[in-house]
Amino acid sequence: MQLIPPDWPLRHHSRRIRCRPHDWHVQLIGEGPDLLMLHGAGASAHSFHPLVPHLPGYRLIIPDLPGQGFTRAGGMFRLGLDAMADDLATLAADQGWRPVAIIGHSAGTAVALRMAEILPCAPQAVVGINAALGPFDGFAGWLFPKLAKAMSASPFVAAIVTRMASKREQVASLLQGTGSRLGPDGVALYQRLVTDPRHIEGTLGMMAQWQLEPLVERMAQIMVPCLLIATDKDKAVPMRVSRDAAAVLGRAQYHELAGYGHLVHEEAPETIGNVIRPFLDRTRSSLSLVSQPG
């Protein structure tokens, strides 16, 4: 998927940025302090477009992660957690972005926390939506990375997956498996993603290279204020993952929402915006008071 379709959500805000090692697709929207938004595995920047109107007063910076969506990976060995965070930090420095906060969905939350550790100017806050901050349980924890690694090693797997997932009803079924119910337009956007072999290759590569344990071991030392939002219908990441992570992180709040699945920011963007905005406002206000001379 090289060209960005003219009817892609918020297409007029898209730009391509060549910053080694990747050819990035980024959407820049609005004016104000920089707010970086990181999607989860298998999605793209489009995942946040319903939420955009509910986060006024910021310049929203929404990239496609390397190898996914319309960002072309410059190397298939730069798709793991640490490499991805490093490359995003390099991109931010190259473009002069200074995020005051980072919002991550699912695996994007892990990338956000890692960036909070390495950015020269740390963000004032991190928000995680159904944050994937825990290991897979039991046998799945052993099998899943190995399966993704084996699949990503074959040049034919992506083409096979795209053919298997090319029908609308199959994509709708996959999305319902997350506990979320999207409308026809939302399903159609994911269908366009999963029929692109490059996107599938990038997603499999991310899964195969994902190493979360070192970050989890350091979470108690991460002192950036965090808000972790979890939903009770999420079939991909149980609520207890966010609850447990909030208990370990140095300065974290935990918020539960009932009736929504893993893609709650697409199902109920206004509700999510109403939770996020006060947290960001409080964080910025408290830091402003601290920074004022006594």
C-alpha atoms as a PDB file:
ATOM      1  CA  MET A   1       0.000   0.000   0.000  1.00  0.00           C
ATOM      2  CA  GLN A   2       2.143   2.857  -1.266  1.00  0.00           C
ATOM      3  CA  LEU A   3      -0.296   5.561  -2.322  1.00  0.00           C
ATOM      4  CA  ILE A   4      -2.660   7.053   0.223  1.00  0.00           C
ATOM      5  CA  PRO A   5      -6.184   6.802  -1.215  1.00  0.00           C
ATOM      6  CA  PRO A   6      -7.935  10.160  -1.660  1.00  0.00           C
ATOM      7  CA  ASP A   7     -10.887   8.923   0.421  1.00  0.00           C
ATOM      8  CA  TRP A   8      -8.769   7.740   3.369  1.00  0.00           C
ATOM      9  CA  PRO A   9      -9.868   9.335   6.668  1.00  0.00           C
ATOM     10  CA  LEU A  10      -8.329  12.786   7.162  1.00  0.00           C
ATOM     11  CA  ARG A  11      -6.342  12.333   3.946  1.00  0.00           C
ATOM     12  CA  HIS A  12      -5.859  16.102   3.564  1.00  0.00           C
ATOM     13  CA  HIS A  13      -3.833  16.081   6.786  1.00  0.00           C
ATOM     14  CA  SER A  14      -1.470  13.342   5.570  1.00  0.00           C
ATOM     15  CA  ARG A  15       2.153  13.860   4.728  1.00  0.00           C
ATOM     16  CA  ARG A  16       5.071  11.633   3.910  1.00  0.00           C
ATOM     17  CA  ILE A  17       8.294  12.114   5.849  1.00  0.00           C
ATOM     18  CA  ARG A  18      11.507  10.355   4.955  1.00  0.00           C
ATOM     19  CA  CYS A  19      13.441   9.852   8.174  1.00  0.00           C
ATOM     20  CA  ARG A  20      15.758   6.880   8.343  1.00  0.00           C
ATOM     21  CA  PRO A  21      15.195   4.077   8.373  1.00  0.00           C
ATOM     22  CA  HIS A  22      11.518   4.440   7.414  1.00  0.00           C
ATOM     23  CA  ASP A  23       9.328   6.282   4.921  1.00  0.00           C
ATOM     24  CA  TRP A  24       6.675   7.566   7.306  1.00  0.00           C
ATOM     25  CA  HIS A  25       3.025   8.402   6.840  1.00  0.00           C
ATOM     26  CA  VAL A  26       1.949  10.943   9.453  1.00  0.00           C
ATOM     27  CA  GLN A  27      -1.205  12.980   9.904  1.00  0.00           C
ATOM     28  CA  LEU A  28      -0.818  16.418  11.518  1.00  0.00           C
ATOM     29  CA  ILE A  29      -4.063  17.991  12.703  1.00  0.00           C
ATOM     30  CA  GLY A  30      -4.892  21.151  14.620  1.00  0.00           C
ATOM     31  CA  GLU A  31      -2.841  23.714  16.516  1.00  0.00           C
ATOM     32  CA  GLY A  32      -1.452  23.853  20.024  1.00  0.00           C
ATOM     33  CA  PRO A  33       0.914  21.719  22.117  1.00  0.00           C
ATOM     34  CA  ASP A  34       2.015  18.502  20.436  1.00  0.00           C
ATOM     35  CA  LEU A  35       0.004  15.389  21.284  1.00  0.00           C
ATOM     36  CA  LEU A  36       1.386  12.150  19.835  1.00  0.00           C
ATOM     37  CA  MET A  37      -1.048   9.283  19.170  1.00  0.00           C
ATOM     38  CA  LEU A  38       0.136   5.701  18.603  1.00  0.00           C
ATOM     39  CA  HIS A  39      -2.148   2.976  17.266  1.00  0.00           C
ATOM     40  CA  GLY A  40      -2.029  -0.713  18.150  1.00  0.00           C
ATOM     41  CA  ALA A  41      -0.763  -3.700  16.189  1.00  0.00           C
ATOM     42  CA  GLY A  42      -2.625  -4.325  12.949  1.00  0.00           C
ATOM     43  CA  ALA A  43      -4.246  -0.888  12.810  1.00  0.00           C
ATOM     44  CA  SER A  44      -3.092   2.456  11.414  1.00  0.00           C
ATOM     45  CA  ALA A  45      -3.508   6.167  12.112  1.00  0.00           C
ATOM     46  CA  HIS A  46      -7.080   5.869  10.824  1.00  0.00           C
ATOM     47  CA  SER A  47      -7.986   4.171  14.113  1.00  0.00           C
ATOM     48  CA  PHE A  48      -7.903   7.568  15.851  1.00  0.00           C
ATOM     49  CA  HIS A  49      -9.875   9.595  13.320  1.00  0.00           C
ATOM     50  CA  PRO A  50     -13.176   9.329  15.246  1.00  0.00           C
ATOM     51  CA  LEU A  51     -11.387  10.659  18.361  1.00  0.00           C
ATOM     52  CA  VAL A  52      -9.781  13.650  16.627  1.00  0.00           C
ATOM     53  CA  PRO A  53     -12.725  16.090  17.021  1.00  0.00           C
ATOM     54  CA  HIS A  54     -12.828  15.364  20.747  1.00  0.00           C
ATOM     55  CA  LEU A  55      -9.249  16.489  21.470  1.00  0.00           C
ATOM     56  CA  PRO A  56      -9.277  20.212  20.634  1.00  0.00           C
ATOM     57  CA  GLY A  57      -6.479  22.585  21.555  1.00  0.00           C
ATOM     58  CA  TYR A  58      -3.608  20.326  20.489  1.00  0.00           C
ATOM     59  CA  ARG A  59      -1.587  19.634  17.395  1.00  0.00           C
ATOM     60  CA  LEU A  60      -2.327  15.947  16.946  1.00  0.00           C
ATOM     61  CA  ILE A  61       0.568  13.932  15.517  1.00  0.00           C
ATOM     62  CA  ILE A  62      -0.674  10.539  14.324  1.00  0.00           C
ATOM     63  CA  PRO A  63       1.838   8.285  12.524  1.00  0.00           C
ATOM     64  CA  ASP A  64       1.365   4.867  11.031  1.00  0.00           C
ATOM     65  CA  LEU A  65       3.774   2.593  12.889  1.00  0.00           C
ATOM     66  CA  PRO A  66       6.662   1.141  10.833  1.00  0.00           C
ATOM     67  CA  GLY A  67       5.521  -1.431   8.301  1.00  0.00           C
ATOM     68  CA  GLN A  68       1.835  -0.794   8.972  1.00  0.00           C
ATOM     69  CA  GLY A  69      -0.710   1.347   7.201  1.00  0.00           C
ATOM     70  CA  PHE A  70       1.133   3.594   4.763  1.00  0.00           C
ATOM     71  CA  THR A  71       4.502   3.742   6.561  1.00  0.00           C
ATOM     72  CA  ARG A  72       7.030   1.722   4.604  1.00  0.00           C
ATOM     73  CA  ALA A  73       9.534  -0.004   6.850  1.00  0.00           C
ATOM     74  CA  GLY A  74      13.137   0.664   5.946  1.00  0.00           C
ATOM     75  CA  GLY A  75      14.179  -2.557   7.609  1.00  0.00           C
ATOM     76  CA  MET A  76      12.235  -5.563   8.820  1.00  0.00           C
ATOM     77  CA  PHE A  77      14.475  -5.784  11.897  1.00  0.00           C
ATOM     78  CA  ARG A  78      13.269  -2.421  13.252  1.00  0.00           C
ATOM     79  CA  LEU A  79       9.735  -3.489  14.178  1.00  0.00           C
ATOM     80  CA  GLY A  80      10.168  -4.430  17.852  1.00  0.00           C
ATOM     81  CA  LEU A  81       9.234  -2.288  20.841  1.00  0.00           C
ATOM     82  CA  ASP A  82      12.595  -0.640  21.544  1.00  0.00           C
ATOM     83  CA  ALA A  83      13.492  -0.108  17.879  1.00  0.00           C
ATOM     84  CA  MET A  84      10.089   1.380  17.137  1.00  0.00           C
ATOM     85  CA  ALA A  85      10.322   3.783  20.073  1.00  0.00           C
ATOM     86  CA  ASP A  86      13.855   4.775  19.066  1.00  0.00           C
ATOM     87  CA  ASP A  87      12.806   5.453  15.471  1.00  0.00           C
ATOM     88  CA  LEU A  88       9.786   7.477  16.560  1.00  0.00           C
ATOM     89  CA  ALA A  89      12.011   9.523  18.878  1.00  0.00           C
ATOM     90  CA  THR A  90      14.381  10.139  15.960  1.00  0.00           C
ATOM     91  CA  LEU A  91      11.443  11.233  13.809  1.00  0.00           C
ATOM     92  CA  ALA A  92      10.233  13.602  16.526  1.00  0.00           C
ATOM     93  CA  ALA A  93      13.683  15.167  16.834  1.00  0.00           C
ATOM     94  CA  ASP A  94      13.994  15.458  13.059  1.00  0.00           C
ATOM     95  CA  GLN A  95      10.661  17.278  12.797  1.00  0.00           C
ATOM     96  CA  GLY A  96      11.037  19.373  15.950  1.00  0.00           C
ATOM     97  CA  TRP A  97       8.073  17.754  17.676  1.00  0.00           C
ATOM     98  CA  ARG A  98       7.937  17.940  21.476  1.00  0.00           C
ATOM     99  CA  PRO A  99       4.931  15.917  22.661  1.00  0.00           C
ATOM    100  CA  VAL A 100       3.464  17.161  25.919  1.00  0.00           C
ATOM    101  CA  ALA A 101       1.554  13.873  26.074  1.00  0.00           C
ATOM    102  CA  ILE A 102       1.371  10.554  24.252  1.00  0.00           C
ATOM    103  CA  ILE A 103      -1.809   8.541  23.760  1.00  0.00           C
ATOM    104  CA  GLY A 104      -1.385   4.859  22.936  1.00  0.00           C
ATOM    105  CA  HIS A 105      -3.915   2.204  22.085  1.00  0.00           C
ATOM    106  CA  SER A 106      -3.126  -1.409  22.991  1.00  0.00           C
ATOM    107  CA  ALA A 107       0.519  -2.094  22.022  1.00  0.00           C
ATOM    108  CA  GLY A 108       0.885   1.612  21.252  1.00  0.00           C
ATOM    109  CA  THR A 109       0.804   2.237  25.010  1.00  0.00           C
ATOM    110  CA  ALA A 110       3.981   0.206  25.480  1.00  0.00           C
ATOM    111  CA  VAL A 111       5.670   2.263  22.770  1.00  0.00           C
ATOM    112  CA  ALA A 112       4.445   5.437  24.480  1.00  0.00           C
ATOM    113  CA  LEU A 113       5.929   4.403  27.840  1.00  0.00           C
ATOM    114  CA  ARG A 114       9.228   3.481  26.222  1.00  0.00           C
ATOM    115  CA  MET A 115       9.328   6.871  24.491  1.00  0.00           C
ATOM    116  CA  ALA A 116       8.681   8.543  27.848  1.00  0.00           C
ATOM    117  CA  GLU A 117      11.899   6.903  29.023  1.00  0.00           C
ATOM    118  CA  ILE A 118      14.081   7.994  26.102  1.00  0.00           C
ATOM    119  CA  LEU A 119      12.787  11.328  24.770  1.00  0.00           C
ATOM    120  CA  PRO A 120      15.162  14.202  25.660  1.00  0.00           C
ATOM    121  CA  CYS A 121      12.135  16.211  26.789  1.00  0.00           C
ATOM    122  CA  ALA A 122       9.855  13.701  28.501  1.00  0.00           C
ATOM    123  CA  PRO A 123       6.103  14.013  27.956  1.00  0.00           C
ATOM    124  CA  GLN A 124       4.003  15.375  30.784  1.00  0.00           C
ATOM    125  CA  ALA A 125       1.546  12.488  30.540  1.00  0.00           C
ATOM    126  CA  VAL A 126       0.838   9.123  28.926  1.00  0.00           C
ATOM    127  CA  VAL A 127      -2.652   7.784  28.237  1.00  0.00           C
ATOM    128  CA  GLY A 128      -3.216   4.101  27.517  1.00  0.00           C
ATOM    129  CA  ILE A 129      -6.455   2.830  25.983  1.00  0.00           C
ATOM    130  CA  ASN A 130      -6.864  -0.898  26.649  1.00  0.00           C
ATOM    131  CA  ALA A 131      -3.115  -1.009  27.113  1.00  0.00           C
ATOM    132  CA  ALA A 132      -1.308  -4.212  26.152  1.00  0.00           C
ATOM    133  CA  LEU A 133       1.129  -4.123  29.082  1.00  0.00           C
ATOM    134  CA  GLY A 134       1.135  -7.746  30.152  1.00  0.00           C
ATOM    135  CA  PRO A 135       2.463 -11.026  28.755  1.00  0.00           C
ATOM    136  CA  PHE A 136       0.278 -13.649  27.133  1.00  0.00           C
ATOM    137  CA  ASP A 137      -0.866 -16.244  29.620  1.00  0.00           C
ATOM    138  CA  GLY A 138       0.253 -19.860  29.827  1.00  0.00           C
ATOM    139  CA  PHE A 139       0.819 -21.839  26.653  1.00  0.00           C
ATOM    140  CA  ALA A 140      -0.144 -18.844  24.491  1.00  0.00           C
ATOM    141  CA  GLY A 141       2.762 -16.897  25.967  1.00  0.00           C
ATOM    142  CA  TRP A 142       5.151 -19.489  24.626  1.00  0.00           C
ATOM    143  CA  LEU A 143       3.438 -20.235  21.323  1.00  0.00           C
ATOM    144  CA  PHE A 144       2.340 -16.833  20.059  1.00  0.00           C
ATOM    145  CA  PRO A 145       5.747 -15.154  19.530  1.00  0.00           C
ATOM    146  CA  LYS A 146       7.146 -18.304  17.954  1.00  0.00           C
ATOM    147  CA  LEU A 147       4.160 -18.602  15.628  1.00  0.00           C
ATOM    148  CA  ALA A 148       4.427 -14.963  14.546  1.00  0.00           C
ATOM    149  CA  LYS A 149       8.166 -15.367  14.001  1.00  0.00           C
ATOM    150  CA  ALA A 150       7.668 -18.450  11.855  1.00  0.00           C
ATOM    151  CA  MET A 151       4.940 -16.768   9.823  1.00  0.00           C
ATOM    152  CA  SER A 152       6.916 -13.573   9.273  1.00  0.00           C
ATOM    153  CA  ALA A 153       9.881 -15.597   7.991  1.00  0.00           C
ATOM    154  CA  SER A 154       7.891 -16.861   4.997  1.00  0.00           C
ATOM    155  CA  PRO A 155       7.489 -14.524   2.004  1.00  0.00           C
ATOM    156  CA  PHE A 156       4.227 -16.260   1.101  1.00  0.00           C
ATOM    157  CA  VAL A 157       2.374 -15.951   4.401  1.00  0.00           C
ATOM    158  CA  ALA A 158       1.270 -12.323   3.965  1.00  0.00           C
ATOM    159  CA  ALA A 159      -0.262 -13.063   0.583  1.00  0.00           C
ATOM    160  CA  ILE A 160      -2.103 -16.083   2.014  1.00  0.00           C
ATOM    161  CA  VAL A 161      -3.435 -14.057   4.951  1.00  0.00           C
ATOM    162  CA  THR A 162      -4.647 -11.248   2.705  1.00  0.00           C
ATOM    163  CA  ARG A 163      -6.571 -13.710   0.559  1.00  0.00           C
ATOM    164  CA  MET A 164      -8.105 -15.390   3.609  1.00  0.00           C
ATOM    165  CA  ALA A 165      -9.178 -12.075   5.137  1.00  0.00           C
ATOM    166  CA  SER A 166     -10.315 -10.343   1.962  1.00  0.00           C
ATOM    167  CA  LYS A 167     -14.052 -10.800   2.508  1.00  0.00           C
ATOM    168  CA  ARG A 168     -16.034  -8.213   4.443  1.00  0.00           C
ATOM    169  CA  GLU A 169     -17.745 -10.773   6.686  1.00  0.00           C
ATOM    170  CA  GLN A 170     -14.385 -12.281   7.686  1.00  0.00           C
ATOM    171  CA  VAL A 171     -13.005  -8.884   8.670  1.00  0.00           C
ATOM    172  CA  ALA A 172     -16.180  -8.080  10.596  1.00  0.00           C
ATOM    173  CA  SER A 173     -15.859 -11.371  12.451  1.00  0.00           C
ATOM    174  CA  LEU A 174     -12.219 -10.641  13.342  1.00  0.00           C
ATOM    175  CA  LEU A 175     -13.164  -7.215  14.704  1.00  0.00           C
ATOM    176  CA  GLN A 176     -16.054  -8.633  16.709  1.00  0.00           C
ATOM    177  CA  GLY A 177     -13.506 -11.008  18.227  1.00  0.00           C
ATOM    178  CA  THR A 178     -12.017  -7.971  19.988  1.00  0.00           C
ATOM    179  CA  GLY A 179     -15.335  -7.306  21.684  1.00  0.00           C
ATOM    180  CA  SER A 180     -16.030  -4.227  19.557  1.00  0.00           C
ATOM    181  CA  ARG A 181     -18.734  -3.658  17.006  1.00  0.00           C
ATOM    182  CA  LEU A 182     -17.879  -1.203  14.270  1.00  0.00           C
ATOM    183  CA  GLY A 183     -20.184   0.093  11.586  1.00  0.00           C
ATOM    184  CA  PRO A 184     -19.830  -0.810   7.894  1.00  0.00           C
ATOM    185  CA  ASP A 185     -17.456   2.105   7.226  1.00  0.00           C
ATOM    186  CA  GLY A 186     -15.141   1.063  10.056  1.00  0.00           C
ATOM    187  CA  VAL A 187     -15.078  -2.548   8.887  1.00  0.00           C
ATOM    188  CA  ALA A 188     -14.331  -1.412   5.329  1.00  0.00           C
ATOM    189  CA  LEU A 189     -11.242   0.529   6.468  1.00  0.00           C
ATOM    190  CA  TYR A 190      -9.782  -2.504   8.224  1.00  0.00           C
ATOM    191  CA  GLN A 191     -10.610  -4.634   5.207  1.00  0.00           C
ATOM    192  CA  ARG A 192      -8.509  -2.335   3.055  1.00  0.00           C
ATOM    193  CA  LEU A 193      -5.618  -2.707   5.491  1.00  0.00           C
ATOM    194  CA  VAL A 194      -5.675  -6.505   5.765  1.00  0.00           C
ATOM    195  CA  THR A 195      -5.765  -6.950   2.003  1.00  0.00           C
ATOM    196  CA  ASP A 196      -2.354  -5.261   1.749  1.00  0.00           C
ATOM    197  CA  PRO A 197       0.505  -7.807   2.103  1.00  0.00           C
ATOM    198  CA  ARG A 198       2.942  -5.103   3.294  1.00  0.00           C
ATOM    199  CA  HIS A 199       0.654  -4.247   6.189  1.00  0.00           C
ATOM    200  CA  ILE A 200       0.363  -7.910   7.152  1.00  0.00           C
ATOM    201  CA  GLU A 201       4.141  -8.362   6.914  1.00  0.00           C
ATOM    202  CA  GLY A 202       4.682  -5.330   9.140  1.00  0.00           C
ATOM    203  CA  THR A 203       2.144  -6.534  11.705  1.00  0.00           C
ATOM    204  CA  LEU A 204       3.625 -10.032  11.828  1.00  0.00           C
ATOM    205  CA  GLY A 205       7.112  -8.557  12.110  1.00  0.00           C
ATOM    206  CA  MET A 206       6.022  -6.414  15.055  1.00  0.00           C
ATOM    207  CA  MET A 207       4.519  -9.440  16.807  1.00  0.00           C
ATOM    208  CA  ALA A 208       7.568 -11.593  16.150  1.00  0.00           C
ATOM    209  CA  GLN A 209       9.990  -8.995  17.555  1.00  0.00           C
ATOM    210  CA  TRP A 210       7.864  -7.839  20.496  1.00  0.00           C
ATOM    211  CA  GLN A 211       9.769  -8.024  23.787  1.00  0.00           C
ATOM    212  CA  LEU A 212       7.664  -6.502  26.540  1.00  0.00           C
ATOM    213  CA  GLU A 213       9.260  -8.015  29.639  1.00  0.00           C
ATOM    214  CA  PRO A 214      12.122  -5.487  30.090  1.00  0.00           C
ATOM    215  CA  LEU A 215       9.643  -2.596  30.025  1.00  0.00           C
ATOM    216  CA  VAL A 216       7.333  -4.371  32.475  1.00  0.00           C
ATOM    217  CA  GLU A 217      10.265  -4.885  34.857  1.00  0.00           C
ATOM    218  CA  ARG A 218      11.015  -1.128  34.771  1.00  0.00           C
ATOM    219  CA  MET A 219       7.434   0.131  35.144  1.00  0.00           C
ATOM    220  CA  ALA A 220       7.787   0.993  38.817  1.00  0.00           C
ATOM    221  CA  GLN A 221      10.547   3.442  37.858  1.00  0.00           C
ATOM    222  CA  ILE A 222       8.467   5.198  35.181  1.00  0.00           C
ATOM    223  CA  MET A 223       7.273   8.360  36.922  1.00  0.00           C
ATOM    224  CA  VAL A 224       5.391  10.108  34.119  1.00  0.00           C
ATOM    225  CA  PRO A 225       1.725  10.607  35.099  1.00  0.00           C
ATOM    226  CA  CYS A 226      -0.340   7.915  33.378  1.00  0.00           C
ATOM    227  CA  LEU A 227      -4.019   7.278  32.790  1.00  0.00           C
ATOM    228  CA  LEU A 228      -4.951   3.709  31.855  1.00  0.00           C
ATOM    229  CA  ILE A 229      -8.453   3.232  30.464  1.00  0.00           C
ATOM    230  CA  ALA A 230      -9.895  -0.289  30.251  1.00  0.00           C
ATOM    231  CA  THR A 231     -13.231  -1.645  29.005  1.00  0.00           C
ATOM    232  CA  ASP A 232     -15.196  -4.612  30.296  1.00  0.00           C
ATOM    233  CA  LYS A 233     -16.064  -6.082  26.873  1.00  0.00           C
ATOM    234  CA  ASP A 234     -12.459  -6.173  25.640  1.00  0.00           C
ATOM    235  CA  LYS A 235     -11.720  -9.718  24.468  1.00  0.00           C
ATOM    236  CA  ALA A 236      -8.166  -8.891  23.365  1.00  0.00           C
ATOM    237  CA  VAL A 237      -6.675  -7.371  26.537  1.00  0.00           C
ATOM    238  CA  PRO A 238      -8.484  -8.121  29.833  1.00  0.00           C
ATOM    239  CA  MET A 239      -9.158  -5.205  32.164  1.00  0.00           C
ATOM    240  CA  ARG A 240      -6.905  -6.711  34.819  1.00  0.00           C
ATOM    241  CA  VAL A 241      -3.874  -5.974  32.603  1.00  0.00           C
ATOM    242  CA  SER A 242      -4.439  -2.218  32.860  1.00  0.00           C
ATOM    243  CA  ARG A 243      -5.482  -2.504  36.503  1.00  0.00           C
ATOM    244  CA  ASP A 244      -2.323  -4.379  37.426  1.00  0.00           C
ATOM    245  CA  ALA A 245      -0.107  -2.044  35.414  1.00  0.00           C
ATOM    246  CA  ALA A 246      -1.649   1.017  37.090  1.00  0.00           C
ATOM    247  CA  ALA A 247      -0.810  -0.487  40.475  1.00  0.00           C
ATOM    248  CA  VAL A 248       2.845  -0.872  39.473  1.00  0.00           C
ATOM    249  CA  LEU A 249       3.514   2.355  37.551  1.00  0.00           C
ATOM    250  CA  GLY A 250       4.896   5.153  39.670  1.00  0.00           C
ATOM    251  CA  ARG A 251       2.096   7.699  39.043  1.00  0.00           C
ATOM    252  CA  ALA A 252      -0.899   6.068  37.385  1.00  0.00           C
ATOM    253  CA  GLN A 253      -4.673   6.390  37.459  1.00  0.00           C
ATOM    254  CA  TYR A 254      -7.034   3.637  36.354  1.00  0.00           C
ATOM    255  CA  HIS A 255     -10.428   4.164  34.730  1.00  0.00           C
ATOM    256  CA  GLU A 256     -12.975   1.514  33.692  1.00  0.00           C
ATOM    257  CA  LEU A 257     -15.699   1.870  31.078  1.00  0.00           C
ATOM    258  CA  ALA A 258     -18.606  -0.535  30.731  1.00  0.00           C
ATOM    259  CA  GLY A 259     -20.182  -1.762  27.513  1.00  0.00           C
ATOM    260  CA  TYR A 260     -17.283  -1.400  25.054  1.00  0.00           C
ATOM    261  CA  GLY A 261     -14.590  -3.591  23.514  1.00  0.00           C
ATOM    262  CA  HIS A 262     -10.953  -3.261  22.553  1.00  0.00           C
ATOM    263  CA  LEU A 263     -11.598  -0.553  19.946  1.00  0.00           C
ATOM    264  CA  VAL A 264     -13.509   1.709  22.329  1.00  0.00           C
ATOM    265  CA  HIS A 265     -11.911   4.854  20.857  1.00  0.00           C
ATOM    266  CA  GLU A 266     -13.619   3.989  17.574  1.00  0.00           C
ATOM    267  CA  GLU A 267     -16.889   2.835  19.160  1.00  0.00           C
ATOM    268  CA  ALA A 268     -17.313   5.706  21.617  1.00  0.00           C
ATOM    269  CA  PRO A 269     -14.869   8.504  20.760  1.00  0.00           C
ATOM    270  CA  GLU A 270     -16.803  11.204  22.602  1.00  0.00           C
ATOM    271  CA  THR A 271     -16.814   9.135  25.786  1.00  0.00           C
ATOM    272  CA  ILE A 272     -13.065   8.529  25.520  1.00  0.00           C
ATOM    273  CA  GLY A 273     -12.419  12.202  24.808  1.00  0.00           C
ATOM    274  CA  ASN A 274     -14.407  13.161  27.906  1.00  0.00           C
ATOM    275  CA  VAL A 275     -12.168  10.910  30.010  1.00  0.00           C
ATOM    276  CA  ILE A 276      -8.863  11.985  28.471  1.00  0.00           C
ATOM    277  CA  ARG A 277      -9.288  15.765  28.318  1.00  0.00           C
ATOM    278  CA  PRO A 278      -9.710  16.410  32.069  1.00  0.00           C
ATOM    279  CA  PHE A 279      -6.696  14.224  32.823  1.00  0.00           C
ATOM    280  CA  LEU A 280      -4.516  16.115  30.350  1.00  0.00           C
ATOM    281  CA  ASP A 281      -5.804  19.450  31.653  1.00  0.00           C
ATOM    282  CA  ARG A 282      -5.095  18.488  35.269  1.00  0.00           C
ATOM    283  CA  THR A 283      -1.618  17.252  34.380  1.00  0.00           C
ATOM    284  CA  ARG A 284      -0.705  20.426  32.529  1.00  0.00           C
ATOM    285  CA  SER A 285      -2.154  22.628  35.297  1.00  0.00           C
ATOM    286  CA  SER A 286      -0.308  20.829  38.090  1.00  0.00           C
ATOM    287  CA  LEU A 287       2.990  20.982  36.219  1.00  0.00           C
ATOM    288  CA  SER A 288       2.477  24.685  35.505  1.00  0.00           C
ATOM    289  CA  LEU A 289       1.930  25.338  39.235  1.00  0.00           C
ATOM    290  CA  VAL A 290       5.046  23.362  40.144  1.00  0.00           C
ATOM    291  CA  SER A 291       7.137  25.258  37.603  1.00  0.00           C
ATOM    292  CA  GLN A 292       6.074  28.696  38.921  1.00  0.00           C
ATOM    293  CA  PRO A 293       8.489  30.379  41.308  1.00  0.00           C
ATOM    294  CA  GLY A 294       7.338  30.446  44.909  1.00  0.00           C
END
